[in-house]
C-alpha cells in the first residue's frame, strides 16, 4: 500500500503515519507512507527541503502547490489539516483561519489529482470532518445518513466535505472522517482533561445531559486502515460504539483518576468565555459508527468505560 498523508505532524496524523508504517512492516512490504511537508518559497534554499527523504515530500497548500507525481498511483491520499477548533474564541478572523486551513489543503490535493492521467490517479481521497457536521441534536441517534446542522461548525464541515467530494468527478473515491473527541495518552482531549481533573477542578459542563461521541487514537487509526482496506466511501462517523452523556463521562473519568468531580461549570459561564466556540462543549451529538459496524470493524475500546480504563491503566 502507498499512502500520502497531509497533516502528519498533528496528533492524529502522526499516529496514523506510524500505524500504517507498522502495518507495512508486519506484512514485510516495501510500500511507502509519504508525509507532506509544508514548504514556502523561502524554504527552497534550506538543505532539509533540497534533500527530502523518500517518505517526505514538499507542498504549499496556502499557494495551491503540490507536485502531482507525489500522489500518483497511491492507494489513499489522507488530508487531515485544520487549525484547532477547541481552546479559543471564534472571532471573525479566526473563523477565516478555520475555514482556509481546512479547505485550502483539500482543494490543493484535488487540483493535483485532476492533473494526473486517469490511470495514475489515487484510488481514494480521505479528508477530515467532524461530528460538528450534525449541529446540536439533543437525544437524536445520528448515523451517517442524518441531516446536517445549521450552525457555523456544521456549515464548515459541510463545505469541508463538499470540497473533498469534488474528487469523484475524476473517478476517485472520497471518504470524509466525521471525527468525535479523540483520546490518547499523549494528545487529543486526555492530557488537558487529566490536568483539570487531577487538580480537583473536573465537573460536568452545563446540564451534563449532552451526548459526547468519543474514540481512542488506537481505534481511530485502525479504523482508517480498515476504511482503506474495505474501500468505504462517503462520510464515516469516527466514534466509538457507545456515545456517553457529559455527566456520565465526568463521573467515569473522575473515578478512574480517583478524584472528586462535584463541581459544575454553568452553561452561561462557558458561553461567556468561549462565545460561539462554546458549541464544542455544549452541543449534543449522539453519534454511532454505523458504517464501521456494518463493514465488520471491531472496536478495542467500544465505550468510554473501556477508553478510560485503557488510558488510565485501571
C-alpha atoms as a PDB file:
ATOM      1  CA  UNK A   1       0.000   0.000   0.000  1.00  0.00           C
ATOM      2  CA  UNK A   2       1.121   3.515  -0.762  1.00  0.00           C
ATOM      3  CA  UNK A   3      -0.447   6.329   1.259  1.00  0.00           C
ATOM      4  CA  UNK A   4       0.270  10.050   1.315  1.00  0.00           C
ATOM      5  CA  UNK A   5      -0.645  11.944   4.492  1.00  0.00           C
ATOM      6  CA  UNK A   6      -1.107  15.699   4.824  1.00  0.00           C
ATOM      7  CA  UNK A   7      -1.225  16.897   8.409  1.00  0.00           C
ATOM      8  CA  UNK A   8       1.117  14.137   9.578  1.00  0.00           C
ATOM      9  CA  UNK A   9       2.722  16.348  12.227  1.00  0.00           C
ATOM     10  CA  UNK A  10      -0.517  16.577  14.213  1.00  0.00           C
ATOM     11  CA  UNK A  11      -1.755  14.244  16.938  1.00  0.00           C
ATOM     12  CA  UNK A  12      -3.930  12.098  14.668  1.00  0.00           C
ATOM     13  CA  UNK A  13      -1.734  12.373  11.572  1.00  0.00           C
ATOM     14  CA  UNK A  14       1.463  11.302  13.326  1.00  0.00           C
ATOM     15  CA  UNK A  15      -0.273   8.326  14.951  1.00  0.00           C
ATOM     16  CA  UNK A  16      -1.790   7.313  11.608  1.00  0.00           C
ATOM     17  CA  UNK A  17       1.527   7.588   9.798  1.00  0.00           C
ATOM     18  CA  UNK A  18       3.171   5.362  12.407  1.00  0.00           C
ATOM     19  CA  UNK A  19       0.307   2.851  12.326  1.00  0.00           C
ATOM     20  CA  UNK A  20       0.324   2.482   8.537  1.00  0.00           C
ATOM     21  CA  UNK A  21       4.095   2.054   8.508  1.00  0.00           C
ATOM     22  CA  UNK A  22       3.848  -0.585  11.239  1.00  0.00           C
ATOM     23  CA  UNK A  23       1.247  -2.457   9.198  1.00  0.00           C
ATOM     24  CA  UNK A  24       3.568  -2.488   6.216  1.00  0.00           C
ATOM     25  CA  UNK A  25       6.494  -3.684   8.332  1.00  0.00           C
ATOM     26  CA  UNK A  26       4.348  -6.505   9.720  1.00  0.00           C
ATOM     27  CA  UNK A  27       3.450  -7.583   6.185  1.00  0.00           C
ATOM     28  CA  UNK A  28       7.053  -7.349   5.052  1.00  0.00           C
ATOM     29  CA  UNK A  29       6.063  -4.951   2.293  1.00  0.00           C
ATOM     30  CA  UNK A  30       8.240  -2.330   0.654  1.00  0.00           C
ATOM     31  CA  UNK A  31       5.444   0.142   0.041  1.00  0.00           C
ATOM     32  CA  UNK A  32       5.567   3.675   1.330  1.00  0.00           C
ATOM     33  CA  UNK A  33       3.831   6.130   3.604  1.00  0.00           C
ATOM     34  CA  UNK A  34       4.714   9.641   2.426  1.00  0.00           C
ATOM     35  CA  UNK A  35       4.232  12.663   4.677  1.00  0.00           C
ATOM     36  CA  UNK A  36       3.653  16.016   3.011  1.00  0.00           C
ATOM     37  CA  UNK A  37       5.816  18.785   4.482  1.00  0.00           C
ATOM     38  CA  UNK A  38       4.856  22.444   4.127  1.00  0.00           C
ATOM     39  CA  UNK A  39       7.323  24.474   2.106  1.00  0.00           C
ATOM     40  CA  UNK A  40       7.267  28.181   1.324  1.00  0.00           C
ATOM     41  CA  UNK A  41       9.352  29.814  -1.457  1.00  0.00           C
ATOM     42  CA  UNK A  42      11.938  30.891   1.120  1.00  0.00           C
ATOM     43  CA  UNK A  43      12.494  27.275   2.128  1.00  0.00           C
ATOM     44  CA  UNK A  44      13.886  26.270  -1.265  1.00  0.00           C
ATOM     45  CA  UNK A  45      17.441  27.070  -0.182  1.00  0.00           C
ATOM     46  CA  UNK A  46      17.103  25.019   3.007  1.00  0.00           C
ATOM     47  CA  UNK A  47      19.050  21.738   2.724  1.00  0.00           C
ATOM     48  CA  UNK A  48      16.183  19.966   4.500  1.00  0.00           C
ATOM     49  CA  UNK A  49      13.916  20.713   1.558  1.00  0.00           C
ATOM     50  CA  UNK A  50      16.556  20.176  -1.134  1.00  0.00           C
ATOM     51  CA  UNK A  51      17.153  16.629   0.073  1.00  0.00           C
ATOM     52  CA  UNK A  52      13.813  15.304   1.284  1.00  0.00           C
ATOM     53  CA  UNK A  53      13.777  11.620   2.123  1.00  0.00           C
ATOM     54  CA  UNK A  54      11.582   9.261   0.100  1.00  0.00           C
ATOM     55  CA  UNK A  55       8.994   9.308   2.889  1.00  0.00           C
ATOM     56  CA  UNK A  56       8.573  13.101   2.838  1.00  0.00           C
ATOM     57  CA  UNK A  57       7.539  15.413   0.043  1.00  0.00           C
ATOM     58  CA  UNK A  58       7.138  19.221  -0.095  1.00  0.00           C
ATOM     59  CA  UNK A  59       3.927  21.124  -0.744  1.00  0.00           C
ATOM     60  CA  UNK A  60       2.377  24.508  -0.054  1.00  0.00           C
ATOM     61  CA  UNK A  61      -1.392  24.312   0.387  1.00  0.00           C
ATOM     62  CA  UNK A  62      -1.616  28.052   1.055  1.00  0.00           C
ATOM     63  CA  UNK A  63      -0.442  28.624  -2.512  1.00  0.00           C
ATOM     64  CA  UNK A  64      -2.055  25.535  -4.034  1.00  0.00           C
ATOM     65  CA  UNK A  65       1.326  23.937  -4.755  1.00  0.00           C
ATOM     66  CA  UNK A  66       1.699  20.140  -4.913  1.00  0.00           C
ATOM     67  CA  UNK A  67       3.620  18.103  -7.489  1.00  0.00           C
ATOM     68  CA  UNK A  68       1.026  15.624  -8.846  1.00  0.00           C
ATOM     69  CA  UNK A  69       3.684  12.911  -9.184  1.00  0.00           C
ATOM     70  CA  UNK A  70       3.887  12.730  -5.367  1.00  0.00           C
ATOM     71  CA  UNK A  71       0.368  11.320  -5.160  1.00  0.00           C
ATOM     72  CA  UNK A  72       0.401   9.262  -8.359  1.00  0.00           C
ATOM     73  CA  UNK A  73      -0.606   5.601  -8.045  1.00  0.00           C
ATOM     74  CA  UNK A  74      -1.500   5.933  -4.352  1.00  0.00           C
ATOM     75  CA  UNK A  75      -3.993   3.726  -2.591  1.00  0.00           C
ATOM     76  CA  UNK A  76      -5.029   6.710  -0.488  1.00  0.00           C
ATOM     77  CA  UNK A  77      -4.266  10.387  -0.022  1.00  0.00           C
ATOM     78  CA  UNK A  78      -5.274  11.415   3.511  1.00  0.00           C
ATOM     79  CA  UNK A  79      -5.738  15.123   4.266  1.00  0.00           C
ATOM     80  CA  UNK A  80      -6.089  15.934   7.978  1.00  0.00           C
ATOM     81  CA  UNK A  81      -5.083  19.609   8.131  1.00  0.00           C
ATOM     82  CA  UNK A  82      -7.017  22.149  10.159  1.00  0.00           C
ATOM     83  CA  UNK A  83      -6.461  24.873  12.746  1.00  0.00           C
ATOM     84  CA  UNK A  84      -7.627  23.889  16.267  1.00  0.00           C
ATOM     85  CA  UNK A  85     -11.367  24.111  16.882  1.00  0.00           C
ATOM     86  CA  UNK A  86     -11.052  23.871  20.681  1.00  0.00           C
ATOM     87  CA  UNK A  87      -9.376  26.332  23.025  1.00  0.00           C
ATOM     88  CA  UNK A  88     -10.105  29.820  21.733  1.00  0.00           C
ATOM     89  CA  UNK A  89     -12.930  32.131  20.733  1.00  0.00           C
ATOM     90  CA  UNK A  90     -14.091  32.087  17.133  1.00  0.00           C
ATOM     91  CA  UNK A  91     -13.576  35.689  16.133  1.00  0.00           C
ATOM     92  CA  UNK A  92     -14.276  36.588  12.521  1.00  0.00           C
ATOM     93  CA  UNK A  93     -10.539  36.474  11.841  1.00  0.00           C
ATOM     94  CA  UNK A  94     -10.173  33.049  13.439  1.00  0.00           C
ATOM     95  CA  UNK A  95     -13.213  31.736  11.591  1.00  0.00           C
ATOM     96  CA  UNK A  96     -11.500  32.618   8.324  1.00  0.00           C
ATOM     97  CA  UNK A  97      -8.448  30.682   9.514  1.00  0.00           C
ATOM     98  CA  UNK A  98     -10.583  27.677  10.476  1.00  0.00           C
ATOM     99  CA  UNK A  99     -12.110  27.663   7.012  1.00  0.00           C
ATOM    100  CA  UNK A 100      -8.945  28.236   4.981  1.00  0.00           C
ATOM    101  CA  UNK A 101      -6.855  25.745   6.971  1.00  0.00           C
ATOM    102  CA  UNK A 102      -9.331  23.005   6.053  1.00  0.00           C
ATOM    103  CA  UNK A 103     -10.468  23.873   2.559  1.00  0.00           C
ATOM    104  CA  UNK A 104      -7.164  25.002   1.011  1.00  0.00           C
ATOM    105  CA  UNK A 105      -5.286  21.698   1.610  1.00  0.00           C
ATOM    106  CA  UNK A 106      -8.172  19.603   0.239  1.00  0.00           C
ATOM    107  CA  UNK A 107      -8.544  21.896  -2.766  1.00  0.00           C
ATOM    108  CA  UNK A 108      -4.803  21.678  -3.466  1.00  0.00           C
ATOM    109  CA  UNK A 109      -4.878  17.875  -3.457  1.00  0.00           C
ATOM    110  CA  UNK A 110      -7.962  17.696  -5.691  1.00  0.00           C
ATOM    111  CA  UNK A 111      -6.348  20.072  -8.169  1.00  0.00           C
ATOM    112  CA  UNK A 112      -3.212  17.908  -8.236  1.00  0.00           C
ATOM    113  CA  UNK A 113      -5.303  14.777  -8.808  1.00  0.00           C
ATOM    114  CA  UNK A 114      -7.076  16.459 -11.713  1.00  0.00           C
ATOM    115  CA  UNK A 115      -3.717  16.988 -13.441  1.00  0.00           C
ATOM    116  CA  UNK A 116      -2.812  13.291 -13.372  1.00  0.00           C
ATOM    117  CA  UNK A 117      -3.651  10.901 -16.187  1.00  0.00           C
ATOM    118  CA  UNK A 118      -6.670   8.803 -15.249  1.00  0.00           C
ATOM    119  CA  UNK A 119      -4.603   5.625 -14.865  1.00  0.00           C
ATOM    120  CA  UNK A 120      -2.262   7.310 -12.368  1.00  0.00           C
ATOM    121  CA  UNK A 121      -4.827   8.882 -10.055  1.00  0.00           C
ATOM    122  CA  UNK A 122      -5.079   7.746  -6.414  1.00  0.00           C
ATOM    123  CA  UNK A 123      -7.731   5.174  -5.609  1.00  0.00           C
ATOM    124  CA  UNK A 124      -9.128   7.177  -2.698  1.00  0.00           C
ATOM    125  CA  UNK A 125      -9.072  10.618  -1.096  1.00  0.00           C
ATOM    126  CA  UNK A 126      -9.743  10.662   2.649  1.00  0.00           C
ATOM    127  CA  UNK A 127     -10.446  14.041   4.230  1.00  0.00           C
ATOM    128  CA  UNK A 128     -11.187  15.290   7.703  1.00  0.00           C
ATOM    129  CA  UNK A 129     -14.547  16.389   9.029  1.00  0.00           C
ATOM    130  CA  UNK A 130     -16.182  16.357  12.460  1.00  0.00           C
ATOM    131  CA  UNK A 131     -19.331  15.284  14.271  1.00  0.00           C
ATOM    132  CA  UNK A 132     -19.983  19.010  14.437  1.00  0.00           C
ATOM    133  CA  UNK A 133     -21.490  18.414  10.969  1.00  0.00           C
ATOM    134  CA  UNK A 134     -24.733  17.464  12.739  1.00  0.00           C
ATOM    135  CA  UNK A 135     -25.024  20.546  14.933  1.00  0.00           C
ATOM    136  CA  UNK A 136     -26.596  20.034  18.381  1.00  0.00           C
ATOM    137  CA  UNK A 137     -29.290  17.342  18.172  1.00  0.00           C
ATOM    138  CA  UNK A 138     -30.296  16.531  21.762  1.00  0.00           C
ATOM    139  CA  UNK A 139     -31.083  12.779  22.067  1.00  0.00           C
ATOM    140  CA  UNK A 140     -31.488  12.063  18.351  1.00  0.00           C
ATOM    141  CA  UNK A 141     -29.492   8.999  17.252  1.00  0.00           C
ATOM    142  CA  UNK A 142     -27.150  10.130  14.479  1.00  0.00           C
ATOM    143  CA  UNK A 143     -25.921   7.781  11.767  1.00  0.00           C
ATOM    144  CA  UNK A 144     -24.034   8.942   8.690  1.00  0.00           C
ATOM    145  CA  UNK A 145     -27.366   9.497   6.929  1.00  0.00           C
ATOM    146  CA  UNK A 146     -28.537  12.187   9.387  1.00  0.00           C
ATOM    147  CA  UNK A 147     -29.127  15.687   8.040  1.00  0.00           C
ATOM    148  CA  UNK A 148     -26.570  18.449   8.695  1.00  0.00           C
ATOM    149  CA  UNK A 149     -26.906  21.148  11.328  1.00  0.00           C
ATOM    150  CA  UNK A 150     -27.060  24.863  10.644  1.00  0.00           C
ATOM    151  CA  UNK A 151     -24.506  26.490  12.970  1.00  0.00           C
ATOM    152  CA  UNK A 152     -21.039  27.704  11.959  1.00  0.00           C
ATOM    153  CA  UNK A 153     -19.246  24.414  12.653  1.00  0.00           C
ATOM    154  CA  UNK A 154     -21.900  22.366  10.845  1.00  0.00           C
ATOM    155  CA  UNK A 155     -21.646  24.597   7.783  1.00  0.00           C
ATOM    156  CA  UNK A 156     -17.840  24.458   7.904  1.00  0.00           C
ATOM    157  CA  UNK A 157     -17.919  20.650   7.981  1.00  0.00           C
ATOM    158  CA  UNK A 158     -20.368  20.642   5.087  1.00  0.00           C
ATOM    159  CA  UNK A 159     -18.053  22.824   2.992  1.00  0.00           C
ATOM    160  CA  UNK A 160     -15.062  20.693   4.041  1.00  0.00           C
ATOM    161  CA  UNK A 161     -16.750  17.505   2.875  1.00  0.00           C
ATOM    162  CA  UNK A 162     -18.034  19.089  -0.333  1.00  0.00           C
ATOM    163  CA  UNK A 163     -14.502  20.200  -1.224  1.00  0.00           C
ATOM    164  CA  UNK A 164     -13.319  16.602  -0.960  1.00  0.00           C
ATOM    165  CA  UNK A 165     -16.332  15.224  -2.809  1.00  0.00           C
ATOM    166  CA  UNK A 166     -15.228  17.152  -5.917  1.00  0.00           C
ATOM    167  CA  UNK A 167     -12.629  14.459  -6.485  1.00  0.00           C
ATOM    168  CA  UNK A 168     -15.301  11.964  -7.518  1.00  0.00           C
ATOM    169  CA  UNK A 169     -15.607  13.866 -10.819  1.00  0.00           C
ATOM    170  CA  UNK A 170     -12.162  12.452 -11.639  1.00  0.00           C
ATOM    171  CA  UNK A 171     -13.072   8.853 -10.843  1.00  0.00           C
ATOM    172  CA  UNK A 172     -11.528   8.889  -7.363  1.00  0.00           C
ATOM    173  CA  UNK A 173     -13.480   7.657  -4.327  1.00  0.00           C
ATOM    174  CA  UNK A 174     -13.899  10.018  -1.363  1.00  0.00           C
ATOM    175  CA  UNK A 175     -14.257   9.348   2.360  1.00  0.00           C
ATOM    176  CA  UNK A 176     -14.966  12.054   4.958  1.00  0.00           C
ATOM    177  CA  UNK A 177     -13.935  11.280   8.552  1.00  0.00           C
ATOM    178  CA  UNK A 178     -16.570  12.762  10.880  1.00  0.00           C
ATOM    179  CA  UNK A 179     -14.392  12.783  13.955  1.00  0.00           C
ATOM    180  CA  UNK A 180     -15.554  12.852  17.567  1.00  0.00           C
ATOM    181  CA  UNK A 181     -13.430  13.536  20.653  1.00  0.00           C
ATOM    182  CA  UNK A 182     -10.183  11.604  20.224  1.00  0.00           C
ATOM    183  CA  UNK A 183      -8.317  10.355  23.297  1.00  0.00           C
ATOM    184  CA  UNK A 184      -4.709   9.268  23.542  1.00  0.00           C
ATOM    185  CA  UNK A 185      -2.105   9.283  26.292  1.00  0.00           C
ATOM    186  CA  UNK A 186      -0.016  11.919  24.538  1.00  0.00           C
ATOM    187  CA  UNK A 187      -2.618  14.006  22.776  1.00  0.00           C
ATOM    188  CA  UNK A 188      -6.196  14.788  21.978  1.00  0.00           C
ATOM    189  CA  UNK A 189      -8.546  15.508  24.856  1.00  0.00           C
ATOM    190  CA  UNK A 190      -6.860  13.377  27.517  1.00  0.00           C
ATOM    191  CA  UNK A 191      -3.834  15.478  28.662  1.00  0.00           C
ATOM    192  CA  UNK A 192      -5.890  18.661  29.129  1.00  0.00           C
ATOM    193  CA  UNK A 193      -8.752  16.949  30.925  1.00  0.00           C
ATOM    194  CA  UNK A 194      -6.428  14.872  33.091  1.00  0.00           C
ATOM    195  CA  UNK A 195      -4.700  18.041  34.293  1.00  0.00           C
ATOM    196  CA  UNK A 196      -8.036  19.663  35.170  1.00  0.00           C
ATOM    197  CA  UNK A 197      -9.431  16.605  36.937  1.00  0.00           C
ATOM    198  CA  UNK A 198      -6.209  15.861  38.843  1.00  0.00           C
ATOM    199  CA  UNK A 199      -6.364  19.413  40.194  1.00  0.00           C
ATOM    200  CA  UNK A 200      -9.816  18.629  41.559  1.00  0.00           C
ATOM    201  CA  UNK A 201     -11.476  21.029  39.115  1.00  0.00           C
ATOM    202  CA  UNK A 202     -13.283  18.487  36.972  1.00  0.00           C
ATOM    203  CA  UNK A 203     -17.033  18.716  36.635  1.00  0.00           C
ATOM    204  CA  UNK A 204     -19.923  18.426  34.243  1.00  0.00           C
ATOM    205  CA  UNK A 205     -20.430  21.112  31.624  1.00  0.00           C
ATOM    206  CA  UNK A 206     -23.765  22.868  31.750  1.00  0.00           C
ATOM    207  CA  UNK A 207     -26.580  20.402  32.387  1.00  0.00           C
ATOM    208  CA  UNK A 208     -24.321  17.454  31.593  1.00  0.00           C
ATOM    209  CA  UNK A 209     -27.106  15.918  29.510  1.00  0.00           C
ATOM    210  CA  UNK A 210     -25.333  16.487  26.175  1.00  0.00           C
ATOM    211  CA  UNK A 211     -24.021  13.423  24.352  1.00  0.00           C
ATOM    212  CA  UNK A 212     -20.271  13.157  23.724  1.00  0.00           C
ATOM    213  CA  UNK A 213     -19.004  10.829  20.973  1.00  0.00           C
ATOM    214  CA  UNK A 214     -15.520   9.611  21.926  1.00  0.00           C
ATOM    215  CA  UNK A 215     -12.852   7.308  20.451  1.00  0.00           C
ATOM    216  CA  UNK A 216      -9.279   6.265  21.277  1.00  0.00           C
ATOM    217  CA  UNK A 217      -6.475   7.186  18.915  1.00  0.00           C
ATOM    218  CA  UNK A 218      -5.694   3.475  18.592  1.00  0.00           C
ATOM    219  CA  UNK A 219      -9.181   2.644  17.341  1.00  0.00           C
ATOM    220  CA  UNK A 220      -9.151   5.744  15.164  1.00  0.00           C
ATOM    221  CA  UNK A 221      -6.046   4.798  13.187  1.00  0.00           C
ATOM    222  CA  UNK A 222      -7.200   1.175  12.998  1.00  0.00           C
ATOM    223  CA  UNK A 223     -10.486   2.419  11.554  1.00  0.00           C
ATOM    224  CA  UNK A 224      -8.730   4.490   8.877  1.00  0.00           C
ATOM    225  CA  UNK A 225      -6.713   1.441   7.785  1.00  0.00           C
ATOM    226  CA  UNK A 226      -9.973  -0.546   7.755  1.00  0.00           C
ATOM    227  CA  UNK A 227     -11.627   2.119   5.563  1.00  0.00           C
ATOM    228  CA  UNK A 228      -8.790   1.847   3.041  1.00  0.00           C
ATOM    229  CA  UNK A 229      -8.807  -1.959   3.028  1.00  0.00           C
ATOM    230  CA  UNK A 230     -12.600  -2.213   2.747  1.00  0.00           C
ATOM    231  CA  UNK A 231     -12.990   0.691   0.308  1.00  0.00           C
ATOM    232  CA  UNK A 232     -15.587   2.551   2.397  1.00  0.00           C
ATOM    233  CA  UNK A 233     -16.781   5.758   0.747  1.00  0.00           C
ATOM    234  CA  UNK A 234     -18.818   8.749   1.858  1.00  0.00           C
ATOM    235  CA  UNK A 235     -19.000  10.076   5.417  1.00  0.00           C
ATOM    236  CA  UNK A 236     -17.897   7.811   8.266  1.00  0.00           C
ATOM    237  CA  UNK A 237     -18.617   8.538  11.938  1.00  0.00           C
ATOM    238  CA  UNK A 238     -15.229   8.141  13.611  1.00  0.00           C
ATOM    239  CA  UNK A 239     -16.577   7.487  17.086  1.00  0.00           C
ATOM    240  CA  UNK A 240     -16.732   4.504  19.446  1.00  0.00           C
ATOM    241  CA  UNK A 241     -19.791   2.263  19.512  1.00  0.00           C
ATOM    242  CA  UNK A 242     -21.414   3.930  22.537  1.00  0.00           C
ATOM    243  CA  UNK A 243     -21.687   7.710  22.965  1.00  0.00           C
ATOM    244  CA  UNK A 244     -21.871   8.981  26.524  1.00  0.00           C
ATOM    245  CA  UNK A 245     -23.575  11.878  28.293  1.00  0.00           C
ATOM    246  CA  UNK A 246     -21.260  14.529  29.684  1.00  0.00           C
ATOM    247  CA  UNK A 247     -22.359  13.882  33.290  1.00  0.00           C
ATOM    248  CA  UNK A 248     -21.520  10.161  32.969  1.00  0.00           C
ATOM    249  CA  UNK A 249     -18.263  10.954  31.190  1.00  0.00           C
ATOM    250  CA  UNK A 250     -17.343  13.224  34.122  1.00  0.00           C
ATOM    251  CA  UNK A 251     -18.188  10.562  36.718  1.00  0.00           C
ATOM    252  CA  UNK A 252     -16.204   7.810  34.964  1.00  0.00           C
ATOM    253  CA  UNK A 253     -13.184   9.996  34.236  1.00  0.00           C
ATOM    254  CA  UNK A 254     -13.024  11.226  37.837  1.00  0.00           C
ATOM    255  CA  UNK A 255     -13.440   7.714  39.245  1.00  0.00           C
ATOM    256  CA  UNK A 256     -10.556   6.344  37.200  1.00  0.00           C
ATOM    257  CA  UNK A 257      -8.376   9.226  38.391  1.00  0.00           C
ATOM    258  CA  UNK A 258      -9.599   8.749  41.987  1.00  0.00           C
ATOM    259  CA  UNK A 259     -10.565  12.408  42.115  1.00  0.00           C
ATOM    260  CA  UNK A 260     -13.820  14.133  43.053  1.00  0.00           C
ATOM    261  CA  UNK A 261     -15.851  15.811  40.337  1.00  0.00           C
ATOM    262  CA  UNK A 262     -18.628  17.557  42.192  1.00  0.00           C
ATOM    263  CA  UNK A 263     -18.222  20.925  40.522  1.00  0.00           C
ATOM    264  CA  UNK A 264     -20.305  22.033  37.574  1.00  0.00           C
ATOM    265  CA  UNK A 265     -19.484  24.744  35.054  1.00  0.00           C
ATOM    266  CA  UNK A 266     -22.648  26.742  34.324  1.00  0.00           C
ATOM    267  CA  UNK A 267     -23.645  26.988  30.682  1.00  0.00           C
ATOM    268  CA  UNK A 268     -23.746  30.770  30.909  1.00  0.00           C
ATOM    269  CA  UNK A 269     -20.122  30.853  32.087  1.00  0.00           C
ATOM    270  CA  UNK A 270     -18.985  28.628  29.204  1.00  0.00           C
ATOM    271  CA  UNK A 271     -20.778  30.839  26.708  1.00  0.00           C
ATOM    272  CA  UNK A 272     -19.331  33.981  28.306  1.00  0.00           C
ATOM    273  CA  UNK A 273     -15.766  32.664  27.990  1.00  0.00           C
ATOM    274  CA  UNK A 274     -15.910  30.895  24.632  1.00  0.00           C
ATOM    275  CA  UNK A 275     -18.718  32.659  22.809  1.00  0.00           C
ATOM    276  CA  UNK A 276     -19.763  30.772  19.683  1.00  0.00           C
ATOM    277  CA  UNK A 277     -16.970  28.229  20.280  1.00  0.00           C
ATOM    278  CA  UNK A 278     -18.904  27.006  23.331  1.00  0.00           C
ATOM    279  CA  UNK A 279     -20.821  24.810  20.870  1.00  0.00           C
ATOM    280  CA  UNK A 280     -17.952  22.305  21.075  1.00  0.00           C
ATOM    281  CA  UNK A 281     -18.520  21.844  24.817  1.00  0.00           C
ATOM    282  CA  UNK A 282     -22.305  22.138  24.927  1.00  0.00           C
ATOM    283  CA  UNK A 283     -23.566  20.591  21.688  1.00  0.00           C
ATOM    284  CA  UNK A 284     -25.155  17.150  21.883  1.00  0.00           C
ATOM    285  CA  UNK A 285     -24.251  14.589  19.215  1.00  0.00           C
ATOM    286  CA  UNK A 286     -25.446  11.065  19.895  1.00  0.00           C
ATOM    287  CA  UNK A 287     -23.458   9.580  17.019  1.00  0.00           C
ATOM    288  CA  UNK A 288     -22.956   5.903  16.267  1.00  0.00           C
ATOM    289  CA  UNK A 289     -20.458   4.432  13.763  1.00  0.00           C
ATOM    290  CA  UNK A 290     -22.987   2.617  11.590  1.00  0.00           C
ATOM    291  CA  UNK A 291     -20.719   2.290   8.544  1.00  0.00           C
ATOM    292  CA  UNK A 292     -17.841   0.881  10.575  1.00  0.00           C
ATOM    293  CA  UNK A 293     -20.178  -1.594  12.296  1.00  0.00           C
ATOM    294  CA  UNK A 294     -21.761  -2.682   9.011  1.00  0.00           C
ATOM    295  CA  UNK A 295     -18.338  -3.279   7.449  1.00  0.00           C
ATOM    296  CA  UNK A 296     -17.227  -5.547  10.295  1.00  0.00           C
ATOM    297  CA  UNK A 297     -14.903  -3.226  12.196  1.00  0.00           C
ATOM    298  CA  UNK A 298     -14.414  -4.257  15.841  1.00  0.00           C
ATOM    299  CA  UNK A 299     -13.501  -1.593  18.394  1.00  0.00           C
ATOM    300  CA  UNK A 300     -10.907  -2.427  21.028  1.00  0.00           C
ATOM    301  CA  UNK A 301     -12.449   0.252  23.282  1.00  0.00           C
ATOM    302  CA  UNK A 302     -16.150   0.407  22.344  1.00  0.00           C
ATOM    303  CA  UNK A 303     -17.342   2.734  25.127  1.00  0.00           C
ATOM    304  CA  UNK A 304     -15.929   5.379  27.434  1.00  0.00           C
ATOM    305  CA  UNK A 305     -15.572   2.992  30.369  1.00  0.00           C
ATOM    306  CA  UNK A 306     -13.162   0.972  28.217  1.00  0.00           C
ATOM    307  CA  UNK A 307     -11.494   4.133  26.901  1.00  0.00           C
ATOM    308  CA  UNK A 308     -10.831   5.429  30.418  1.00  0.00           C
ATOM    309  CA  UNK A 309      -9.521   2.038  31.544  1.00  0.00           C
ATOM    310  CA  UNK A 310      -7.142   1.934  28.585  1.00  0.00           C
ATOM    311  CA  UNK A 311      -5.826   5.458  29.062  1.00  0.00           C
ATOM    312  CA  UNK A 312      -5.553   5.340  32.821  1.00  0.00           C
ATOM    313  CA  UNK A 313      -4.370   1.706  33.028  1.00  0.00           C
ATOM    314  CA  UNK A 314      -7.088   0.941  35.564  1.00  0.00           C
END
